[in-house]
C-alpha atoms as a PDB file:
ATOM      1  CA  MET A   1      30.651  47.156  71.612  1.00  0.00           C
ATOM      2  CA  ASN A   2      28.609  45.506  68.903  1.00  0.00           C
ATOM      3  CA  GLN A   3      30.395  44.917  65.626  1.00  0.00           C
ATOM      4  CA  PRO A   4      28.684  44.918  62.204  1.00  0.00           C
ATOM      5  CA  ASN A   5      27.715  41.393  61.124  1.00  0.00           C
ATOM      6  CA  ASN A   6      29.777  40.787  58.001  1.00  0.00           C
ATOM      7  CA  THR A   7      29.333  37.019  57.945  1.00  0.00           C
ATOM      8  CA  TYR A   8      27.600  35.390  54.983  1.00  0.00           C
ATOM      9  CA  SER A   9      26.343  31.868  54.420  1.00  0.00           C
ATOM     10  CA  ALA A  10      28.407  29.545  52.252  1.00  0.00           C
ATOM     11  CA  ALA A  11      25.705  29.741  49.597  1.00  0.00           C
ATOM     12  CA  GLN A  12      25.827  33.537  49.562  1.00  0.00           C
ATOM     13  CA  SER A  13      29.603  33.662  49.300  1.00  0.00           C
ATOM     14  CA  ALA A  14      29.573  31.017  46.576  1.00  0.00           C
ATOM     15  CA  GLY A  15      27.294  33.164  44.437  1.00  0.00           C
ATOM     16  CA  LEU A  16      24.577  30.775  43.239  1.00  0.00           C
ATOM     17  CA  SER A  17      23.778  30.669  39.536  1.00  0.00           C
ATOM     18  CA  TYR A  18      20.758  29.411  37.621  1.00  0.00           C
ATOM     19  CA  ARG A  19      22.843  26.359  36.652  1.00  0.00           C
ATOM     20  CA  ASP A  20      23.339  25.581  40.370  1.00  0.00           C
ATOM     21  CA  ALA A  21      19.532  25.440  40.630  1.00  0.00           C
ATOM     22  CA  GLY A  22      19.413  22.936  37.785  1.00  0.00           C
ATOM     23  CA  VAL A  23      18.712  25.159  34.772  1.00  0.00           C
ATOM     24  CA  ASP A  24      21.416  25.364  32.106  1.00  0.00           C
ATOM     25  CA  ILE A  25      20.892  28.473  29.978  1.00  0.00           C
ATOM     26  CA  ASP A  26      23.835  27.584  27.745  1.00  0.00           C
ATOM     27  CA  ALA A  27      22.303  24.181  26.964  1.00  0.00           C
ATOM     28  CA  GLY A  28      19.048  25.891  26.006  1.00  0.00           C
ATOM     29  CA  ASP A  29      20.898  28.297  23.738  1.00  0.00           C
ATOM     30  CA  GLN A  30      22.750  25.390  22.123  1.00  0.00           C
ATOM     31  CA  LEU A  31      19.457  23.615  21.446  1.00  0.00           C
ATOM     32  CA  VAL A  32      18.078  26.690  19.683  1.00  0.00           C
ATOM     33  CA  GLU A  33      21.175  26.871  17.500  1.00  0.00           C
ATOM     34  CA  ASN A  34      20.932  23.151  16.734  1.00  0.00           C
ATOM     35  CA  ILE A  35      17.345  23.350  15.515  1.00  0.00           C
ATOM     36  CA  LYS A  36      17.510  26.564  13.481  1.00  0.00           C
ATOM     37  CA  PRO A  37      18.534  24.880  10.196  1.00  0.00           C
ATOM     38  CA  TYR A  38      15.729  22.330  10.520  1.00  0.00           C
ATOM     39  CA  ALA A  39      13.145  24.996  11.269  1.00  0.00           C
ATOM     40  CA  LYS A  40      14.403  27.072   8.334  1.00  0.00           C
ATOM     41  CA  ARG A  41      13.473  24.270   5.915  1.00  0.00           C
ATOM     42  CA  THR A  42       9.828  24.536   7.003  1.00  0.00           C
ATOM     43  CA  MET A  43       9.368  28.236   6.239  1.00  0.00           C
ATOM     44  CA  ARG A  44       6.450  29.524   4.161  1.00  0.00           C
ATOM     45  CA  PRO A  45       6.094  32.887   2.359  1.00  0.00           C
ATOM     46  CA  GLU A  46       3.583  34.063   4.984  1.00  0.00           C
ATOM     47  CA  VAL A  47       6.134  33.843   7.815  1.00  0.00           C
ATOM     48  CA  LEU A  48       7.575  37.236   8.741  1.00  0.00           C
ATOM     49  CA  SER A  49       9.903  36.223  11.577  1.00  0.00           C
ATOM     50  CA  GLY A  50      12.235  33.366  12.411  1.00  0.00           C
ATOM     51  CA  ILE A  51      13.065  31.252  15.464  1.00  0.00           C
ATOM     52  CA  GLY A  52      14.338  33.161  18.500  1.00  0.00           C
ATOM     53  CA  GLY A  53      11.968  36.094  18.862  1.00  0.00           C
ATOM     54  CA  PHE A  54       9.344  36.593  21.550  1.00  0.00           C
ATOM     55  CA  GLY A  55       6.563  35.747  19.103  1.00  0.00           C
ATOM     56  CA  GLY A  56       6.180  34.343  15.617  1.00  0.00           C
ATOM     57  CA  LEU A  57       4.749  36.649  12.965  1.00  0.00           C
ATOM     58  CA  VAL A  58       2.632  35.166  10.167  1.00  0.00           C
ATOM     59  CA  GLU A  59       0.368  36.956   7.718  1.00  0.00           C
ATOM     60  CA  ILE A  60      -2.613  35.369   5.968  1.00  0.00           C
ATOM     61  CA  SER A  61      -2.243  34.857   2.243  1.00  0.00           C
ATOM     62  CA  LYS A  62      -4.167  37.245   0.026  1.00  0.00           C
ATOM     63  CA  LYS A  63      -5.583  34.261  -1.887  1.00  0.00           C
ATOM     64  CA  TYR A  64      -8.285  33.930   0.786  1.00  0.00           C
ATOM     65  CA  LYS A  65     -11.364  36.169   0.438  1.00  0.00           C
ATOM     66  CA  GLU A  66     -12.907  35.245   3.805  1.00  0.00           C
ATOM     67  CA  PRO A  67     -10.167  33.438   5.742  1.00  0.00           C
ATOM     68  CA  VAL A  68     -11.098  31.503   8.869  1.00  0.00           C
ATOM     69  CA  LEU A  69      -8.363  30.377  11.256  1.00  0.00           C
ATOM     70  CA  VAL A  70      -8.579  26.797  12.552  1.00  0.00           C
ATOM     71  CA  SER A  71      -6.467  25.765  15.538  1.00  0.00           C
ATOM     72  CA  GLY A  72      -5.620  22.513  17.257  1.00  0.00           C
ATOM     73  CA  THR A  73      -3.445  21.264  20.084  1.00  0.00           C
ATOM     74  CA  ASP A  74      -2.367  17.819  21.246  1.00  0.00           C
ATOM     75  CA  GLY A  75       0.460  15.784  22.733  1.00  0.00           C
ATOM     76  CA  VAL A  76       1.999  12.364  22.213  1.00  0.00           C
ATOM     77  CA  GLY A  77       0.666  10.714  25.373  1.00  0.00           C
ATOM     78  CA  THR A  78       2.218   7.695  27.033  1.00  0.00           C
ATOM     79  CA  LYS A  79       3.935   6.645  23.820  1.00  0.00           C
ATOM     80  CA  LEU A  80       6.657   8.879  25.237  1.00  0.00           C
ATOM     81  CA  LYS A  81       7.304   6.317  27.994  1.00  0.00           C
ATOM     82  CA  LEU A  82       8.324   3.822  25.320  1.00  0.00           C
ATOM     83  CA  ALA A  83      10.485   6.478  23.636  1.00  0.00           C
ATOM     84  CA  PHE A  84      12.398   6.895  26.916  1.00  0.00           C
ATOM     85  CA  GLU A  85      12.771   3.158  27.492  1.00  0.00           C
ATOM     86  CA  LEU A  86      13.862   2.435  23.915  1.00  0.00           C
ATOM     87  CA  ASN A  87      15.947   5.614  23.528  1.00  0.00           C
ATOM     88  CA  ILE A  88      14.057   6.448  20.319  1.00  0.00           C
ATOM     89  CA  HIS A  89      13.525  10.198  20.077  1.00  0.00           C
ATOM     90  CA  ASN A  90      13.450  10.941  16.346  1.00  0.00           C
ATOM     91  CA  THR A  91       9.849   9.887  15.628  1.00  0.00           C
ATOM     92  CA  VAL A  92       7.778  11.334  18.480  1.00  0.00           C
ATOM     93  CA  GLY A  93       8.170  14.836  17.030  1.00  0.00           C
ATOM     94  CA  ILE A  94       6.420  13.644  13.864  1.00  0.00           C
ATOM     95  CA  ASP A  95       3.666  12.223  16.076  1.00  0.00           C
ATOM     96  CA  LEU A  96       3.308  15.591  17.768  1.00  0.00           C
ATOM     97  CA  VAL A  97       2.789  17.434  14.490  1.00  0.00           C
ATOM     98  CA  GLY A  98       0.557  14.756  12.995  1.00  0.00           C
ATOM     99  CA  MET A  99      -1.898  14.730  15.876  1.00  0.00           C
ATOM    100  CA  SER A 100      -2.636  18.446  15.483  1.00  0.00           C
ATOM    101  CA  VAL A 101      -2.384  19.043  11.725  1.00  0.00           C
ATOM    102  CA  ASN A 102      -4.558  16.027  10.893  1.00  0.00           C
ATOM    103  CA  ASP A 103      -7.165  17.367  13.313  1.00  0.00           C
ATOM    104  CA  ILE A 104      -7.447  20.791  11.705  1.00  0.00           C
ATOM    105  CA  LEU A 105      -7.308  19.250   8.235  1.00  0.00           C
ATOM    106  CA  VAL A 106     -10.671  17.534   8.728  1.00  0.00           C
ATOM    107  CA  GLN A 107     -12.383  20.940   8.646  1.00  0.00           C
ATOM    108  CA  GLY A 108     -10.692  21.764   5.363  1.00  0.00           C
ATOM    109  CA  ALA A 109      -7.874  23.851   6.828  1.00  0.00           C
ATOM    110  CA  GLU A 110      -4.423  24.175   5.305  1.00  0.00           C
ATOM    111  CA  PRO A 111      -1.900  24.169   8.198  1.00  0.00           C
ATOM    112  CA  LEU A 112       0.069  27.423   8.266  1.00  0.00           C
ATOM    113  CA  PHE A 113       2.326  27.168  11.286  1.00  0.00           C
ATOM    114  CA  PHE A 114       3.208  25.040  14.285  1.00  0.00           C
ATOM    115  CA  LEU A 115       4.530  25.721  17.789  1.00  0.00           C
ATOM    116  CA  ASP A 116       5.935  23.178  20.214  1.00  0.00           C
ATOM    117  CA  TYR A 117       6.371  22.962  23.987  1.00  0.00           C
ATOM    118  CA  PHE A 118       9.188  20.739  25.269  1.00  0.00           C
ATOM    119  CA  ALA A 119       9.429  20.332  29.054  1.00  0.00           C
ATOM    120  CA  CYS A 120      12.005  18.363  31.033  1.00  0.00           C
ATOM    121  CA  GLY A 121      13.767  18.195  34.379  1.00  0.00           C
ATOM    122  CA  LYS A 122      17.260  18.461  32.912  1.00  0.00           C
ATOM    123  CA  LEU A 123      17.861  19.302  29.280  1.00  0.00           C
ATOM    124  CA  ASP A 124      19.565  16.559  27.273  1.00  0.00           C
ATOM    125  CA  VAL A 125      20.567  18.562  24.195  1.00  0.00           C
ATOM    126  CA  PRO A 126      21.195  15.593  21.823  1.00  0.00           C
ATOM    127  CA  ALA A 127      17.871  13.923  22.691  1.00  0.00           C
ATOM    128  CA  ALA A 128      15.958  17.216  22.515  1.00  0.00           C
ATOM    129  CA  THR A 129      17.572  17.974  19.152  1.00  0.00           C
ATOM    130  CA  GLU A 130      16.355  14.626  17.816  1.00  0.00           C
ATOM    131  CA  VAL A 131      12.825  15.364  19.048  1.00  0.00           C
ATOM    132  CA  ILE A 132      12.685  18.797  17.449  1.00  0.00           C
ATOM    133  CA  LYS A 133      14.272  17.528  14.216  1.00  0.00           C
ATOM    134  CA  GLY A 134      11.302  15.153  14.141  1.00  0.00           C
ATOM    135  CA  ILE A 135       8.923  18.069  14.686  1.00  0.00           C
ATOM    136  CA  ALA A 136      10.517  19.927  11.780  1.00  0.00           C
ATOM    137  CA  HIS A 137      10.271  16.804   9.607  1.00  0.00           C
ATOM    138  CA  GLY A 138       6.579  16.532  10.472  1.00  0.00           C
ATOM    139  CA  CYS A 139       6.067  20.180   9.557  1.00  0.00           C
ATOM    140  CA  GLU A 140       7.727  19.559   6.187  1.00  0.00           C
ATOM    141  CA  GLN A 141       5.340  16.663   5.579  1.00  0.00           C
ATOM    142  CA  ALA A 142       2.390  18.908   6.449  1.00  0.00           C
ATOM    143  CA  GLY A 143       3.682  21.943   4.542  1.00  0.00           C
ATOM    144  CA  CYS A 144       3.486  24.179   7.619  1.00  0.00           C
ATOM    145  CA  ALA A 145       6.142  26.365   9.196  1.00  0.00           C
ATOM    146  CA  LEU A 146       7.780  25.676  12.543  1.00  0.00           C
ATOM    147  CA  ILE A 147       7.877  29.263  13.758  1.00  0.00           C
ATOM    148  CA  GLY A 148       8.770  28.841  17.419  1.00  0.00           C
ATOM    149  CA  GLY A 149       8.241  26.997  20.660  1.00  0.00           C
ATOM    150  CA  GLU A 150       9.188  26.780  24.297  1.00  0.00           C
ATOM    151  CA  THR A 151      11.867  24.687  25.968  1.00  0.00           C
ATOM    152  CA  ALA A 152      11.205  24.519  29.700  1.00  0.00           C
ATOM    153  CA  GLU A 153      13.865  23.054  31.971  1.00  0.00           C
ATOM    154  CA  MET A 154      12.195  22.462  35.354  1.00  0.00           C
ATOM    155  CA  PRO A 155      14.331  20.637  37.932  1.00  0.00           C
ATOM    156  CA  GLY A 156      12.331  18.280  40.116  1.00  0.00           C
ATOM    157  CA  MET A 157       9.284  18.193  37.840  1.00  0.00           C
ATOM    158  CA  TYR A 158      10.289  15.222  35.667  1.00  0.00           C
ATOM    159  CA  PRO A 159      12.358  12.054  36.271  1.00  0.00           C
ATOM    160  CA  VAL A 160      15.853  11.999  34.790  1.00  0.00           C
ATOM    161  CA  GLY A 161      15.767  11.212  31.072  1.00  0.00           C
ATOM    162  CA  GLU A 162      12.071  12.040  30.639  1.00  0.00           C
ATOM    163  CA  TYR A 163      10.258  14.945  29.005  1.00  0.00           C
ATOM    164  CA  ASP A 164       6.791  15.962  27.870  1.00  0.00           C
ATOM    165  CA  LEU A 165       5.590  17.432  24.593  1.00  0.00           C
ATOM    166  CA  ALA A 166       2.670  19.565  23.475  1.00  0.00           C
ATOM    167  CA  GLY A 167       2.019  20.963  20.029  1.00  0.00           C
ATOM    168  CA  PHE A 168      -0.118  23.738  18.605  1.00  0.00           C
ATOM    169  CA  ALA A 169      -1.152  24.071  14.950  1.00  0.00           C
ATOM    170  CA  VAL A 170      -2.958  26.913  13.212  1.00  0.00           C
ATOM    171  CA  GLY A 171      -4.398  26.646   9.721  1.00  0.00           C
ATOM    172  CA  VAL A 172      -6.672  28.626   7.445  1.00  0.00           C
ATOM    173  CA  VAL A 173      -9.678  27.777   5.312  1.00  0.00           C
ATOM    174  CA  GLU A 174     -11.942  29.800   3.059  1.00  0.00           C
ATOM    175  CA  LYS A 175     -15.165  30.353   4.996  1.00  0.00           C
ATOM    176  CA  ALA A 176     -17.285  28.955   2.148  1.00  0.00           C
ATOM    177  CA  ASN A 177     -15.130  25.793   2.041  1.00  0.00           C
ATOM    178  CA  ILE A 178     -15.279  24.740   5.697  1.00  0.00           C
ATOM    179  CA  ILE A 179     -16.026  21.012   5.904  1.00  0.00           C
ATOM    180  CA  THR A 180     -18.756  20.437   8.491  1.00  0.00           C
ATOM    181  CA  GLY A 181     -20.272  17.085   7.534  1.00  0.00           C
ATOM    182  CA  ALA A 182     -23.726  18.665   7.349  1.00  0.00           C
ATOM    183  CA  ASP A 183     -24.340  17.384   3.788  1.00  0.00           C
ATOM    184  CA  ILE A 184     -23.476  13.754   4.524  1.00  0.00           C
ATOM    185  CA  ALA A 185     -26.448  11.619   3.444  1.00  0.00           C
ATOM    186  CA  PRO A 186     -27.456   7.967   3.004  1.00  0.00           C
ATOM    187  CA  GLY A 187     -25.691   6.425   0.025  1.00  0.00           C
ATOM    188  CA  ASP A 188     -22.409   8.289   0.559  1.00  0.00           C
ATOM    189  CA  VAL A 189     -19.242   6.194   0.578  1.00  0.00           C
ATOM    190  CA  VAL A 190     -16.861   5.826   3.532  1.00  0.00           C
ATOM    191  CA  LEU A 191     -13.195   5.602   2.529  1.00  0.00           C
ATOM    192  CA  GLY A 192     -10.412   4.590   4.899  1.00  0.00           C
ATOM    193  CA  MET A 193      -6.824   5.789   4.490  1.00  0.00           C
ATOM    194  CA  ALA A 194      -4.240   3.403   5.908  1.00  0.00           C
ATOM    195  CA  SER A 195      -2.384   4.274   9.108  1.00  0.00           C
ATOM    196  CA  ASN A 196       1.323   3.721   9.864  1.00  0.00           C
ATOM    197  CA  GLY A 197       0.441   1.743  12.985  1.00  0.00           C
ATOM    198  CA  ALA A 198      -1.062   2.755  16.313  1.00  0.00           C
ATOM    199  CA  HIS A 199      -0.014   6.395  15.690  1.00  0.00           C
ATOM    200  CA  SER A 200      -0.228   8.085  19.132  1.00  0.00           C
ATOM    201  CA  ASN A 201      -3.324   6.573  20.701  1.00  0.00           C
ATOM    202  CA  GLY A 202      -4.049   3.681  23.018  1.00  0.00           C
ATOM    203  CA  TYR A 203      -0.482   3.485  24.309  1.00  0.00           C
ATOM    204  CA  SER A 204      -1.461   3.012  27.940  1.00  0.00           C
ATOM    205  CA  LEU A 205      -3.067  -0.245  26.801  1.00  0.00           C
ATOM    206  CA  VAL A 206      -0.164  -1.013  24.437  1.00  0.00           C
ATOM    207  CA  ARG A 207       2.291  -0.688  27.321  1.00  0.00           C
ATOM    208  CA  LYS A 208       0.097  -2.857  29.555  1.00  0.00           C
ATOM    209  CA  ILE A 209       0.038  -5.561  26.879  1.00  0.00           C
ATOM    210  CA  ILE A 210       3.831  -5.375  26.440  1.00  0.00           C
ATOM    211  CA  GLU A 211       4.255  -5.735  30.200  1.00  0.00           C
ATOM    212  CA  ARG A 212       1.861  -8.695  30.401  1.00  0.00           C
ATOM    213  CA  SER A 213       3.308 -10.504  27.391  1.00  0.00           C
ATOM    214  CA  GLU A 214       6.940  -9.907  28.457  1.00  0.00           C
ATOM    215  CA  SER A 215       7.730  -9.460  24.754  1.00  0.00           C
ATOM    216  CA  ASP A 216      11.206  -8.806  23.385  1.00  0.00           C
ATOM    217  CA  LEU A 217      10.801  -5.497  21.571  1.00  0.00           C
ATOM    218  CA  SER A 218      14.094  -6.007  19.736  1.00  0.00           C
ATOM    219  CA  ALA A 219      12.878  -9.231  18.103  1.00  0.00           C
ATOM    220  CA  LYS A 220      11.976  -9.318  14.405  1.00  0.00           C
ATOM    221  CA  PHE A 221       8.229  -8.842  14.070  1.00  0.00           C
ATOM    222  CA  ASP A 222       7.173  -7.765  10.581  1.00  0.00           C
ATOM    223  CA  GLY A 223       9.733  -8.648   7.901  1.00  0.00           C
ATOM    224  CA  ASP A 224      12.955  -6.827   8.747  1.00  0.00           C
ATOM    225  CA  ARG A 225      11.207  -4.559  11.255  1.00  0.00           C
ATOM    226  CA  THR A 226      11.477  -5.186  14.980  1.00  0.00           C
ATOM    227  CA  LEU A 227       8.510  -4.985  17.307  1.00  0.00           C
ATOM    228  CA  SER A 228       9.868  -1.666  18.626  1.00  0.00           C
ATOM    229  CA  ASP A 229      10.075  -0.295  15.050  1.00  0.00           C
ATOM    230  CA  VAL A 230       6.421  -1.173  14.474  1.00  0.00           C
ATOM    231  CA  ILE A 231       5.209   0.161  17.822  1.00  0.00           C
ATOM    232  CA  MET A 232       7.157   3.434  17.473  1.00  0.00           C
ATOM    233  CA  ALA A 233       6.228   4.112  13.827  1.00  0.00           C
ATOM    234  CA  PRO A 234       5.139   7.770  13.674  1.00  0.00           C
ATOM    235  CA  THR A 235       1.688   9.124  12.912  1.00  0.00           C
ATOM    236  CA  ARG A 236       0.944   9.350   9.202  1.00  0.00           C
ATOM    237  CA  ILE A 237       0.331  12.927   8.055  1.00  0.00           C
ATOM    238  CA  TYR A 238      -2.452  13.143   5.467  1.00  0.00           C
ATOM    239  CA  VAL A 239      -2.365  16.872   4.756  1.00  0.00           C
ATOM    240  CA  LYS A 240      -0.905  17.188   1.262  1.00  0.00           C
ATOM    241  CA  PRO A 241      -2.873  14.432  -0.515  1.00  0.00           C
ATOM    242  CA  LEU A 242      -6.158  15.520   1.056  1.00  0.00           C
ATOM    243  CA  LEU A 243      -5.648  19.223   0.340  1.00  0.00           C
ATOM    244  CA  ALA A 244      -5.058  18.240  -3.289  1.00  0.00           C
ATOM    245  CA  LEU A 245      -8.187  16.067  -3.286  1.00  0.00           C
ATOM    246  CA  MET A 246     -10.254  19.002  -2.002  1.00  0.00           C
ATOM    247  CA  GLN A 247      -9.289  20.895  -5.163  1.00  0.00           C
ATOM    248  CA  SER A 248     -10.666  18.083  -7.351  1.00  0.00           C
ATOM    249  CA  LEU A 249     -13.946  17.093  -5.718  1.00  0.00           C
ATOM    250  CA  THR A 250     -16.203  17.695  -2.745  1.00  0.00           C
ATOM    251  CA  ILE A 251     -15.209  15.968   0.458  1.00  0.00           C
ATOM    252  CA  LYS A 252     -18.329  15.812   2.607  1.00  0.00           C
ATOM    253  CA  GLY A 253     -16.634  14.859   5.852  1.00  0.00           C
ATOM    254  CA  MET A 254     -13.416  13.566   7.390  1.00  0.00           C
ATOM    255  CA  ALA A 255     -12.544  11.994  10.717  1.00  0.00           C
ATOM    256  CA  HIS A 256      -9.030  11.713  12.105  1.00  0.00           C
ATOM    257  CA  ILE A 257      -8.952   8.376  13.951  1.00  0.00           C
ATOM    258  CA  THR A 258      -7.359   9.240  17.267  1.00  0.00           C
ATOM    259  CA  GLY A 259      -8.322   8.416  20.877  1.00  0.00           C
ATOM    260  CA  GLY A 260     -11.626   6.546  20.797  1.00  0.00           C
ATOM    261  CA  GLY A 261     -10.699   4.685  17.642  1.00  0.00           C
ATOM    262  CA  ILE A 262     -12.966   4.271  14.637  1.00  0.00           C
ATOM    263  CA  THR A 263     -16.124   3.808  16.689  1.00  0.00           C
ATOM    264  CA  GLU A 264     -15.956   7.101  18.583  1.00  0.00           C
ATOM    265  CA  ASN A 265     -14.329   9.441  16.048  1.00  0.00           C
ATOM    266  CA  VAL A 266     -16.454   8.967  12.920  1.00  0.00           C
ATOM    267  CA  PRO A 267     -19.683  10.148  14.646  1.00  0.00           C
ATOM    268  CA  ARG A 268     -18.023  13.512  15.342  1.00  0.00           C
ATOM    269  CA  VAL A 269     -18.562  14.483  11.677  1.00  0.00           C
ATOM    270  CA  LEU A 270     -21.966  12.893  11.059  1.00  0.00           C
ATOM    271  CA  PRO A 271     -25.405  14.545  11.090  1.00  0.00           C
ATOM    272  CA  GLU A 272     -27.631  13.002  13.756  1.00  0.00           C
ATOM    273  CA  ASN A 273     -29.872  11.207  11.252  1.00  0.00           C
ATOM    274  CA  VAL A 274     -27.232   8.927   9.703  1.00  0.00           C
ATOM    275  CA  VAL A 275     -24.921   6.029  10.585  1.00  0.00           C
ATOM    276  CA  ALA A 276     -21.568   4.982   9.141  1.00  0.00           C
ATOM    277  CA  ASP A 277     -21.948   1.265   8.467  1.00  0.00           C
ATOM    278  CA  ILE A 278     -18.374  -0.063   8.334  1.00  0.00           C
ATOM    279  CA  ASP A 279     -17.368  -3.550   7.200  1.00  0.00           C
ATOM    280  CA  SER A 280     -14.088  -4.630   8.832  1.00  0.00           C
ATOM    281  CA  THR A 281     -13.545  -7.320   6.184  1.00  0.00           C
ATOM    282  CA  LEU A 282     -12.941  -4.610   3.565  1.00  0.00           C
ATOM    283  CA  TRP A 283      -9.393  -3.922   4.781  1.00  0.00           C
ATOM    284  CA  GLN A 284      -6.638  -6.055   6.254  1.00  0.00           C
ATOM    285  CA  MET A 285      -5.912  -5.142   9.853  1.00  0.00           C
ATOM    286  CA  PRO A 286      -2.100  -4.828  10.234  1.00  0.00           C
ATOM    287  CA  LYS A 287      -0.160  -7.454  12.157  1.00  0.00           C
ATOM    288  CA  LEU A 288       0.404  -5.108  15.111  1.00  0.00           C
ATOM    289  CA  PHE A 289      -3.303  -4.963  15.918  1.00  0.00           C
ATOM    290  CA  HIS A 290      -3.738  -8.741  15.672  1.00  0.00           C
ATOM    291  CA  TRP A 291      -0.808  -9.059  18.100  1.00  0.00           C
ATOM    292  CA  LEU A 292      -2.315  -6.526  20.517  1.00  0.00           C
ATOM    293  CA  ARG A 293      -5.695  -8.270  20.423  1.00  0.00           C
ATOM    294  CA  GLU A 294      -4.211 -11.737  20.991  1.00  0.00           C
ATOM    295  CA  GLN A 295      -1.609 -10.817  23.616  1.00  0.00           C
ATOM    296  CA  GLY A 296      -4.018  -8.620  25.544  1.00  0.00           C
ATOM    297  CA  GLY A 297      -7.157 -10.694  25.084  1.00  0.00           C
ATOM    298  CA  VAL A 298      -8.832  -7.485  23.875  1.00  0.00           C
ATOM    299  CA  ALA A 299     -12.425  -7.862  22.682  1.00  0.00           C
ATOM    300  CA  GLU A 300     -13.064  -7.031  19.019  1.00  0.00           C
ATOM    301  CA  GLN A 301     -15.304  -4.018  19.649  1.00  0.00           C
ATOM    302  CA  GLU A 302     -12.877  -2.735  22.304  1.00  0.00           C
ATOM    303  CA  MET A 303     -10.181  -2.779  19.611  1.00  0.00           C
ATOM    304  CA  TYR A 304     -12.290  -0.550  17.338  1.00  0.00           C
ATOM    305  CA  ARG A 305     -13.043   1.959  20.117  1.00  0.00           C
ATOM    306  CA  THR A 306      -9.401   2.139  21.300  1.00  0.00           C
ATOM    307  CA  PHE A 307      -7.161   1.843  18.226  1.00  0.00           C
ATOM    308  CA  ASN A 308      -7.305   2.956  14.599  1.00  0.00           C
ATOM    309  CA  CYS A 309      -6.904  -0.731  13.588  1.00  0.00           C
ATOM    310  CA  GLY A 310      -5.158   0.260  10.362  1.00  0.00           C
ATOM    311  CA  ILE A 311      -7.370   3.205   9.333  1.00  0.00           C
ATOM    312  CA  GLY A 312      -5.846   6.571  10.253  1.00  0.00           C
ATOM    313  CA  MET A 313      -8.234   8.873   8.391  1.00  0.00           C
ATOM    314  CA  VAL A 314     -11.829   8.389   7.246  1.00  0.00           C
ATOM    315  CA  VAL A 315     -13.022  10.351   4.214  1.00  0.00           C
ATOM    316  CA  ILE A 316     -16.702  10.535   3.213  1.00  0.00           C
ATOM    317  CA  VAL A 317     -17.641  11.385  -0.387  1.00  0.00           C
ATOM    318  CA  SER A 318     -20.654  10.936  -2.634  1.00  0.00           C
ATOM    319  CA  ALA A 319     -20.917   7.605  -4.431  1.00  0.00           C
ATOM    320  CA  SER A 320     -20.275   9.320  -7.769  1.00  0.00           C
ATOM    321  CA  ASP A 321     -16.927  10.705  -6.523  1.00  0.00           C
ATOM    322  CA  ALA A 322     -15.661   7.583  -4.761  1.00  0.00           C
ATOM    323  CA  GLU A 323     -13.624   6.030  -7.581  1.00  0.00           C
ATOM    324  CA  GLN A 324     -11.980   9.333  -8.497  1.00  0.00           C
ATOM    325  CA  ALA A 325     -11.093   9.940  -4.853  1.00  0.00           C
ATOM    326  CA  ILE A 326      -9.574   6.471  -4.471  1.00  0.00           C
ATOM    327  CA  SER A 327      -7.593   6.809  -7.693  1.00  0.00           C
ATOM    328  CA  GLN A 328      -6.208  10.243  -6.843  1.00  0.00           C
ATOM    329  CA  LEU A 329      -5.206   9.282  -3.314  1.00  0.00           C
ATOM    330  CA  GLN A 330      -3.513   6.128  -4.567  1.00  0.00           C
ATOM    331  CA  GLU A 331      -1.573   8.150  -7.123  1.00  0.00           C
ATOM    332  CA  ALA A 332      -0.403  10.341  -4.228  1.00  0.00           C
ATOM    333  CA  GLY A 333       1.039   7.263  -2.526  1.00  0.00           C
ATOM    334  CA  GLU A 334      -1.786   6.519  -0.090  1.00  0.00           C
ATOM    335  CA  THR A 335      -3.349   3.125   0.572  1.00  0.00           C
ATOM    336  CA  VAL A 336      -7.118   3.602   0.446  1.00  0.00           C
ATOM    337  CA  HIS A 337      -9.994   1.205   1.089  1.00  0.00           C
ATOM    338  CA  ARG A 338     -13.727   1.538   0.493  1.00  0.00           C
ATOM    339  CA  ILE A 339     -14.751   0.512   4.013  1.00  0.00           C
ATOM    340  CA  GLY A 340     -18.449   1.273   4.237  1.00  0.00           C
ATOM    341  CA  MET A 341     -21.547   3.290   3.445  1.00  0.00           C
ATOM    342  CA  ILE A 342     -23.672   5.944   5.066  1.00  0.00           C
ATOM    343  CA  ARG A 343     -27.234   4.851   5.856  1.00  0.00           C
ATOM    344  CA  ALA A 344     -30.239   6.209   7.732  1.00  0.00           C
ATOM    345  CA  ARG A 345     -30.095   5.938  11.502  1.00  0.00           C
ATOM    346  CA  ASN A 346     -32.516   3.690  13.357  1.00  0.00           C
ATOM    347  CA  GLY A 347     -33.648   5.394  16.545  1.00  0.00           C
ATOM    348  CA  GLU A 348     -30.819   6.148  18.952  1.00  0.00           C
ATOM    349  CA  GLU A 349     -28.365   3.530  17.657  1.00  0.00           C
ATOM    350  CA  HIS A 350     -24.655   4.351  17.821  1.00  0.00           C
ATOM    351  CA  GLN A 351     -23.599   6.313  14.761  1.00  0.00           C
ATOM    352  CA  THR A 352     -20.719   4.036  13.826  1.00  0.00           C
ATOM    353  CA  GLN A 353     -21.399   0.349  13.404  1.00  0.00           C
ATOM    354  CA  VAL A 354     -18.285  -1.737  12.804  1.00  0.00           C
ATOM    355  CA  ARG A 355     -19.049  -5.351  11.906  1.00  0.00           C
END
């Protein structure tokens, strides 16, 4: 006589949990609790909900008559590989915010809120807390609210100790005040705002140069700063000084110097009939970029189309406004250089000439 089959596999009798599959819900909950006080410091009056809900609620301020939303998204790129190797996790969150808020700023937008995506194979709560503290710090610098994000623990997707980041910023600008670059004309002045270093671009080449040079990243490099300090310096966030400048004078165009360097980013804001003629002798390229050029044997023009070379944001104003713009930005703590002029374009020449 056949008997009912009451046997179960060892796995079934053990009662598998999500943690057995590699996902620790408790660790995720602990991370949320850890970051709440940092996110709270970034809140704005427009925010209607806090961290932990299914969606973040934000209203648009009544000060705008015709509000236009401006959005941007970015990551940190292979700079993260150095963060893993050096165990430096408190600056890449600032990079994440800076790459997006600086992008939407160039169209005149005031950043309202930020969302992050943190993905890993196994959640390291202390390291993740440091990353998101950095994100909150970046949001404070930009004046935008950290209203939420996603922490994805995905076993088998990432090597142990590694993670990936993506960020999403939304800002608002009065429709009549959108900066398009359409009014840029010959005779306008090109200003360059100093960067903190390589920011978050060109790091595949940076890492290749480090590998080739066999450099000691812990060695003193620039005063009391080590080479790792200089290489991992976070992206400078230009939001507050430039929003204030917009209230004082007309900014005709701005270019955030990201991937593609000075050469490829400035043309993105220029009308087709003009060229930005930039003189590289008008600012001192930081030591890091001299080191990268020498150790990597990188050609001069390749440097300008890969790295920011010390200029993190380009601002274009009329000649009559240039001195006021420089003075106001310097008073706000920025280092600013008059780096070139706008001139008429000759045929199909490239729209940024760095000499």
